[in-house]
Amino acid sequence: MSLKSPSAQSNETMAREFFKHRPLADPKSSIRLLKLEAPAADEAGKPNSTIRLRLIDATLKKAPRYWALSYAWNDESLTEPVYCHGQEFRATPNCAAALRQLASEPGSRKYYLWVDAICIDQTETGEEERNDQLPLMADIYSRAARVVVWLGPGSPASAGTIWGIKLLATLARISPYLVSTLHRGMVKSATAASRATLPRGAGRLFTLFPSHFFEDCDPFSAVLKASWNDRLWTLQEVVLARRATVRAGPAAVAWTKLDRLSRAISAGNAETGFTRYPGDPFMRVRVVGALRGLLAGKRMPEQRYRLPKGHPLGRIEARVPREAEVGVVSHVIIAAGLKAGRMADKVYGQLAILQRHGVQLAKPDQKRPPQEIYRDAARAIIEHQSSLELLSFVSMERDLPGLPSWVPDFGFAWLSWIPGSEFAAAAGDISSPTQYRFDDDGNLLVHAQQMDRVRLKTTGTMSFFKELLQSIKVGTVLSPGAVMEVIRQLQSVVRFALAAGDARGSENRAEPLCMVLMQEMALSARSGSREHWPGLVKHVEKWANAVAEDIEFPSPMETRQPTETTPEGSPDADTPPPAAASAGPDTAEEDSKKAGTSSDDEQIIDPIAPLVPLINKLDRDPASVVIQHMAITRLDGNSLFVTESGRLGVATSQIQEGDAVYLVPGMRLPLIMREVEGGYRLLGSPFLDGAMRGELWRGGEGLDELKIV
């Protein structure tokens, strides 16, 4: 169920002059269902595209067999005419396309349908009905005989893709490894074809930046990454479905086959070390499977963190503690990255799943300020879990002003996430009861133990993703200015971390950087036999030394794109690139060659020639490339800091010198808080070297009650 934009509301007002819903007898327990009529024939005897239907009322518990439609509203205006009992009203083009397709199929017309835009009164006068119907979403989708996931009208290409999915899903029954091998081949082939269209020399930038910054070469992306995947409302609709079918026009595939194919690909990738990227098209399929398991009360099987055989960083393996499961909080984190029409929808769009988890929320009221809705939802989750785990994912970067600092912005693109938090136990035994309470004004008071304070932090904000993504254009690569700025930022951060290691007197000065950068790998290596820890630190040290070396950056005036009069990739055919002058005597000749022409005859773009020595060093060490990509991804938007006790940490860039680091009984991660008028402001959770496994926990002694405002 979705809510519309103001432009859609104005179109709706005009359209609803002809059709008006009759009030439901009991909107808290009854629903409307629609029945599609067969398309009428035109003069040539062919079915026309007019959509005709009729509505019936039914109590939810005694409703006839029906299908529920799951689709994206896409912020479209209501422009498509639909005729209900002969009277006209308007639907979005995507909704109308789904109804038109289903109406053309005799087998689909046998069933009643539930479609939110039609079966719930969406006009201004229907607001109270919508508030009453929202709590029924869980039952509506879970009771449906089938949920039809509509990805769009489809095309010959999408039909071929769905045919391929069904074929590979069938093969997955016989050999999952064969399927994952075939899929890897398709991705690599598509990647090679994509890179062939980039400007010459651009391929070498993949050493510095993860490839998903530039491209998405999974052959299934064109279908599976439809707008339906990005919407919050649609997530709960398929999670709660007993049976679901994915459709792109007339082409269809059962959700179970998608799930089987996703599992086969994931299993094969885990064994071979094939790197997937955050936007891979099977992400939602895996998320749905995980959330269904949690709702079914299944305990997750004992997880292992394991790098595959032959991985550049070695064989690191550790068990994930069962206590690390966070249940409903996991769902909230996932939902934060999905789109919804209005601020309030970021809570109401996951109401059905929160209810199934047992979270008791107040009756929906779309007139309430979103700040109140978010605060009440956060409190309900905390009280349901009897835990403050939600606080670990609060970020001070917000789209909605006026929230208490302990309340997450459910509408922000990403909540804060600390990789490796499942291995952490900063306050010792995480089964210890958390001491908290809410006062009469709704403020959160917690008992916490101060363990340290921020003494220094890196200046500025590392905005890797922002710089990179703003500079990427179709058919081109990063602007040289963005490349230089990212490397400058990274170089400054690495030098700061190495200096912190020197000041602390670590056996290897890269140890603190290894911990805050590698996080889950580092905690895994330390929590196991520790035999892999020295090797991991050595890998990070080698990468850090390469990045920290002086680079002669060009001035802003020199940072320009190549022109037609200058050969792309070489300043001058007879002049060696400036990077070669700073290289060692054994590598100067090799670097000079690579600055002009790479091994695959690609030329380096002129303004980034100073980075050639760094690129060459990383290229010669696969482990350094892995660490480089993790650094770019992990440090984005964050700052490194050093505490008064000399410990290195990473946290949101919003922290300041003097902010305090606290431990809270029962929480895995520390919290950073700042004393302000009337209490303390929560800034988020840091990852702090030497404090993530209870090293600084004093057993609950000396706890202070802090009011978080």
Foldseek 3Di string as FASTA:
>chain_A
DAAADPQQQVLQVVQCVWPDDDDDPDLLFKWKWKFWAAADADPVRHGDQATEIEIDMDGLVPDPAAEEEQEDQPNAHFDDWHAYVRTTGTGGPFVSLVRSLLSNDPVSNVHIYDYPPPTQDRHPVRQVSVLSNLLCLLSVLLVHPEYEYEQEQADPLLLVLLVVLLVLLVVLVVPLLVSLVVQVVQQVVQVVVVVVLEAFAQVLCCLQAPCVLFDDRRSNCVRLVGLSLQALLSLSSVLSHPWYWYDRNPRIDTLVSLLSNVVSNVVNCQQVVPDDDPPHSCVSSVVSVVLNCLLVVHQDPWDKDFRHPPALLDTFIFIQDSVLDDRPLVVLQVLLQHDGDDQQCLCSSCSSSCVSVVQDADRDDVVDPSLVRQLRSQVSSCVVVLDLQNQQFAAPDEPDPDHFQSGHRSNHNGTRDFPQLSLFALQADLVFGWDWDADPVRWIKGWWAFQFFFAWWDPDFQALSVLQNVQHDPSYHGQLVSVVVNLVVVLSQLVVQLVLLVVLVDPHSQLLVLCQLVPNSQSSCVVPPVPSNVSSSVLSVLLSVLSNDDFDADDPVLRHFDDPVAPFQDNDPPDFAPLLVPDDPVCSVVLSVVSQANPVRGHHGRNCSSCSVSSVSSVVRVSSSVSSNSNSVVRRQWMWTAIPSSKIKIFHPPDDGGWTWIDTRSYQFIWTWDADPPWIRTRHTMRIPPRGHNNRHPPSPPIDITTRD
